[in-house]
Amino acid sequence: MVKSIVSPSLLSCDLANIATDAAQMLSYGADWLHMDIMDGHFVPNLSFGPPVIGSLRKANKEAFLDCHLMVSQPANWVEPMAKAGTNLFTFHIESELPEGGAAALIKSIKDAGMKVAIALKPDTPAEAIDPYADQLDMVLVMTVVPGFSGQSFMGEMMPKVKAIRAKYPEMDIQVDGGLSPKTVDSATAAGANVVVAASAIFGSNDRKGVIDALRASIDRSLV
């Protein structure tokens, strides 16, 4: 049975104090730390890269680093991300894949000692994961257009989550984009058990309360 996982996105933290904010998230009960890796090509924004991941790993040796790669050529990032201390490497099925396709990339990620997930943009159907589902540790359903924090939650993505949950009852399903205590119930009711939240947590005066509320929603749906 899947379990509830809350993964605060450090894209919305105080970047001058990322290690402090990361430690605070863990002390408030977060399970993972979500890191958005953007190359300025696959998405227009630029964000973290392996040096930041490596620095965060040194500061938080036991943290589970959940890394979402919004990059054009994810195969080029496997080795540096592994060396930096990444636990979970999530790549977009819409990106430029190496020779051998997604299956070859999945194998290289696992061979590097990381868990692996596929991310789906809003326009990508749930069926895109079917050829690789038995090789995956997680699927990420984007509930915003990837690239920027602070967008509105796309409730129309919930049938995609429901379809994946129905077909793969033991799969970890992550949702990312616009999640907050006000929007999370529809995502967890659809079958998501891994919730990413950025501005909802870091923009709140009660960060722990937001994390607790997100977890409570997942737990209600898992009963």
Protein backbone atom coordinates (compact mmCIF):
# COMPACT_ATOMS: atom_id res chain seq x y z
CA MET A 1 0.00 0.00 0.00
CA VAL A 2 1.23 3.48 -0.80
CA LYS A 3 1.84 5.96 2.02
CA SER A 4 1.38 9.68 2.45
CA ILE A 5 4.37 11.81 1.42
CA VAL A 6 4.66 15.59 1.63
CA SER A 7 7.49 17.14 -0.38
CA PRO A 8 7.91 20.92 0.06
CA SER A 9 9.36 22.61 -3.00
CA LEU A 10 12.40 24.67 -2.08
CA LEU A 11 11.91 26.79 -5.20
CA SER A 12 9.80 29.08 -3.00
CA CYS A 13 12.08 29.13 0.03
CA ASP A 14 14.46 31.93 1.02
CA LEU A 15 17.24 31.02 -1.39
CA ALA A 16 19.81 32.85 0.73
CA ASN A 17 18.96 30.41 3.53
CA ILE A 18 18.06 27.26 1.64
CA ALA A 19 19.73 24.87 4.10
CA THR A 20 17.97 26.50 7.04
CA ASP A 21 14.58 26.35 5.33
CA ALA A 22 15.21 22.74 4.29
CA ALA A 23 16.01 21.76 7.87
CA GLN A 24 12.88 23.56 9.05
CA MET A 25 10.73 21.60 6.58
CA LEU A 26 12.11 18.31 7.88
CA SER A 27 11.58 19.38 11.49
CA TYR A 28 7.96 20.22 10.61
CA GLY A 29 7.36 16.69 9.37
CA ALA A 30 8.10 16.87 5.65
CA ASP A 31 9.09 13.51 4.19
CA TRP A 32 11.05 14.70 1.15
CA LEU A 33 12.58 17.91 -0.17
CA HIS A 34 11.47 18.75 -3.71
CA MET A 35 14.09 20.37 -5.92
CA ASP A 36 13.13 21.87 -9.28
CA ILE A 37 15.99 21.62 -11.76
CA MET A 38 15.47 23.91 -14.77
CA ASP A 39 17.87 24.48 -17.65
CA GLY A 40 16.36 27.53 -19.38
CA HIS A 41 15.64 25.42 -22.48
CA PHE A 42 13.00 22.81 -21.66
CA VAL A 43 11.36 25.56 -19.61
CA PRO A 44 12.28 29.27 -19.83
CA ASN A 45 13.26 29.59 -16.20
CA LEU A 46 16.63 28.76 -14.62
CA SER A 47 16.92 27.33 -11.13
CA PHE A 48 18.98 24.78 -9.22
CA GLY A 49 21.69 22.51 -10.58
CA PRO A 50 24.05 19.84 -9.23
CA PRO A 51 26.20 22.27 -7.18
CA VAL A 52 23.16 23.40 -5.17
CA ILE A 53 22.01 19.80 -4.72
CA GLY A 54 25.49 18.86 -3.54
CA SER A 55 25.60 21.73 -1.05
CA LEU A 56 22.17 20.84 0.28
CA ARG A 57 23.23 17.21 0.63
CA LYS A 58 26.22 18.25 2.73
CA ALA A 59 23.98 20.34 4.97
CA ASN A 60 21.23 17.71 5.21
CA LYS A 61 22.88 14.32 5.00
CA GLU A 62 19.77 12.26 5.73
CA ALA A 63 17.25 14.22 3.64
CA PHE A 64 15.48 12.51 0.74
CA LEU A 65 16.13 14.78 -2.24
CA ASP A 66 13.27 14.56 -4.70
CA CYS A 67 14.63 16.14 -7.89
CA HIS A 68 12.34 17.11 -10.75
CA LEU A 69 14.38 17.73 -13.88
CA MET A 70 12.81 20.15 -16.33
CA VAL A 71 15.72 19.89 -18.76
CA SER A 72 16.00 19.23 -22.48
CA GLN A 73 18.49 16.35 -22.30
CA PRO A 74 18.08 14.56 -18.96
CA ALA A 75 20.60 11.85 -19.84
CA ASN A 76 23.37 14.45 -19.52
CA TRP A 77 22.33 15.12 -15.94
CA VAL A 78 22.30 11.58 -14.58
CA GLU A 79 25.93 11.33 -13.47
CA PRO A 80 26.26 14.84 -11.98
CA MET A 81 22.94 14.54 -10.14
CA ALA A 82 23.90 11.17 -8.73
CA LYS A 83 27.26 12.50 -7.55
CA ALA A 84 25.50 15.48 -5.95
CA GLY A 85 23.40 13.19 -3.78
CA THR A 86 20.03 12.95 -5.55
CA ASN A 87 17.69 10.24 -4.25
CA LEU A 88 14.91 10.43 -6.85
CA PHE A 89 15.49 11.56 -10.45
CA THR A 90 12.28 12.58 -12.23
CA PHE A 91 12.53 13.26 -15.96
CA HIS A 92 9.96 14.46 -18.46
CA ILE A 93 8.79 11.95 -21.03
CA GLU A 94 8.50 14.93 -23.42
CA SER A 95 12.23 15.72 -23.23
CA GLU A 96 14.93 14.70 -25.71
CA LEU A 97 15.67 11.09 -24.84
CA PRO A 98 18.96 9.25 -25.49
CA GLU A 99 19.48 6.39 -27.88
CA GLY A 100 17.33 3.57 -26.57
CA GLY A 101 14.67 5.99 -25.42
CA ALA A 102 13.07 6.22 -21.99
CA ALA A 103 13.94 2.61 -21.14
CA ALA A 104 17.66 3.29 -21.59
CA LEU A 105 17.43 6.47 -19.51
CA ILE A 106 15.57 4.68 -16.72
CA LYS A 107 18.26 2.00 -16.64
CA SER A 108 21.06 4.56 -16.45
CA ILE A 109 19.34 6.37 -13.58
CA LYS A 110 18.91 3.14 -11.63
CA ASP A 111 22.46 2.06 -12.41
CA ALA A 112 23.63 5.37 -10.91
CA GLY A 113 21.92 4.44 -7.63
CA MET A 114 18.87 6.69 -7.83
CA LYS A 115 15.16 6.02 -7.85
CA VAL A 116 13.38 7.08 -11.03
CA ALA A 117 10.11 8.73 -12.01
CA ILE A 118 8.50 10.05 -15.17
CA ALA A 119 6.81 13.45 -15.22
CA LEU A 120 3.85 14.25 -17.46
CA LYS A 121 3.05 17.75 -18.69
CA PRO A 122 -0.64 18.73 -18.65
CA ASP A 123 -1.07 17.90 -22.35
CA THR A 124 0.58 14.47 -22.08
CA PRO A 125 -1.84 11.55 -21.59
CA ALA A 126 -1.61 9.07 -18.75
CA GLU A 127 -0.97 6.26 -21.25
CA ALA A 128 2.51 7.66 -21.95
CA ILE A 129 3.86 5.86 -18.88
CA ASP A 130 2.41 2.44 -19.74
CA PRO A 131 5.48 0.98 -21.50
CA TYR A 132 7.68 1.86 -18.51
CA ALA A 133 5.39 1.61 -15.49
CA ASP A 134 6.91 -1.58 -14.13
CA GLN A 135 10.34 0.11 -14.10
CA LEU A 136 9.26 3.27 -12.26
CA ASP A 137 9.27 4.23 -8.61
CA MET A 138 6.83 7.11 -9.15
CA VAL A 139 4.84 9.10 -11.68
CA LEU A 140 4.56 12.90 -11.47
CA VAL A 141 1.39 14.45 -12.86
CA MET A 142 1.95 18.17 -13.38
CA THR A 143 -1.03 20.24 -12.28
CA VAL A 144 0.43 23.42 -13.79
CA VAL A 145 2.52 24.10 -16.88
CA PRO A 146 6.08 23.36 -15.68
CA GLY A 147 8.57 26.13 -15.18
CA PHE A 148 7.27 28.65 -12.65
CA SER A 149 6.05 28.61 -9.08
CA GLY A 150 2.79 30.27 -8.03
CA GLN A 151 0.48 29.09 -10.85
CA SER A 152 -3.14 28.07 -10.28
CA PHE A 153 -3.98 24.41 -9.75
CA MET A 154 -5.38 22.64 -12.83
CA GLY A 155 -8.22 20.51 -11.54
CA GLU A 156 -8.78 19.15 -15.04
CA MET A 157 -5.70 16.96 -14.51
CA MET A 158 -7.53 14.82 -11.92
CA PRO A 159 -8.92 12.30 -14.44
CA LYS A 160 -5.31 11.59 -15.40
CA VAL A 161 -4.43 10.91 -11.76
CA LYS A 162 -7.51 8.69 -11.39
CA ALA A 163 -6.60 6.71 -14.51
CA ILE A 164 -3.06 6.07 -13.30
CA ARG A 165 -4.24 5.08 -9.81
CA ALA A 166 -6.83 2.68 -11.23
CA LYS A 167 -4.25 0.99 -13.42
CA TYR A 168 -1.34 1.05 -10.95
CA PRO A 169 -2.70 0.80 -7.38
CA GLU A 170 0.76 0.43 -5.81
CA MET A 171 2.41 3.29 -7.73
CA ASP A 172 3.51 6.45 -5.95
CA ILE A 173 1.69 9.28 -7.74
CA GLN A 174 2.99 12.80 -7.20
CA VAL A 175 1.13 16.00 -8.00
CA ASP A 176 2.96 19.30 -8.39
CA GLY A 177 1.59 22.75 -9.09
CA GLY A 178 -0.84 24.98 -7.23
CA LEU A 179 -1.32 22.54 -4.35
CA SER A 180 -2.52 24.03 -1.08
CA PRO A 181 -4.94 23.10 1.71
CA LYS A 182 -7.68 24.59 -0.50
CA THR A 183 -6.92 22.48 -3.58
CA VAL A 184 -5.31 19.30 -2.29
CA ASP A 185 -8.48 17.32 -1.53
CA SER A 186 -9.38 16.85 -5.19
CA ALA A 187 -5.86 15.58 -5.93
CA THR A 188 -5.75 13.13 -3.06
CA ALA A 189 -9.30 11.93 -3.73
CA ALA A 190 -8.18 11.18 -7.30
CA GLY A 191 -5.36 9.01 -5.99
CA ALA A 192 -2.30 11.19 -5.47
CA ASN A 193 -0.27 10.18 -2.41
CA VAL A 194 2.79 12.43 -2.92
CA VAL A 195 2.05 16.14 -2.68
CA VAL A 196 4.44 18.92 -3.66
CA ALA A 197 3.71 22.42 -2.39
CA ALA A 198 5.79 25.56 -2.73
CA SER A 199 4.25 28.97 -2.15
CA ALA A 200 1.41 27.47 -0.08
CA ILE A 201 3.99 26.42 2.51
CA PHE A 202 6.66 29.08 2.28
CA GLY A 203 4.17 31.92 1.94
CA SER A 204 2.31 30.87 5.06
CA ASN A 205 2.74 32.13 8.61
CA ASP A 206 2.02 28.56 9.75
CA ARG A 207 4.25 26.37 7.62
CA LYS A 208 3.88 23.33 9.84
CA GLY A 209 0.11 23.74 9.77
CA VAL A 210 0.11 23.65 5.97
CA ILE A 211 2.26 20.51 5.92
CA ASP A 212 -0.05 18.88 8.47
CA ALA A 213 -3.12 19.82 6.42
CA LEU A 214 -1.65 18.36 3.23
CA ARG A 215 -0.77 15.12 5.00
CA ALA A 216 -4.21 14.88 6.59
CA SER A 217 -5.81 15.11 3.16
CA ILE A 218 -3.62 12.30 1.82
CA ASP A 219 -4.28 10.14 4.87
CA ARG A 220 -8.07 10.57 4.56
CA SER A 221 -7.91 9.34 0.99
CA LEU A 222 -5.71 6.36 1.83
CA VAL A 223 -8.10 4.94 4.44
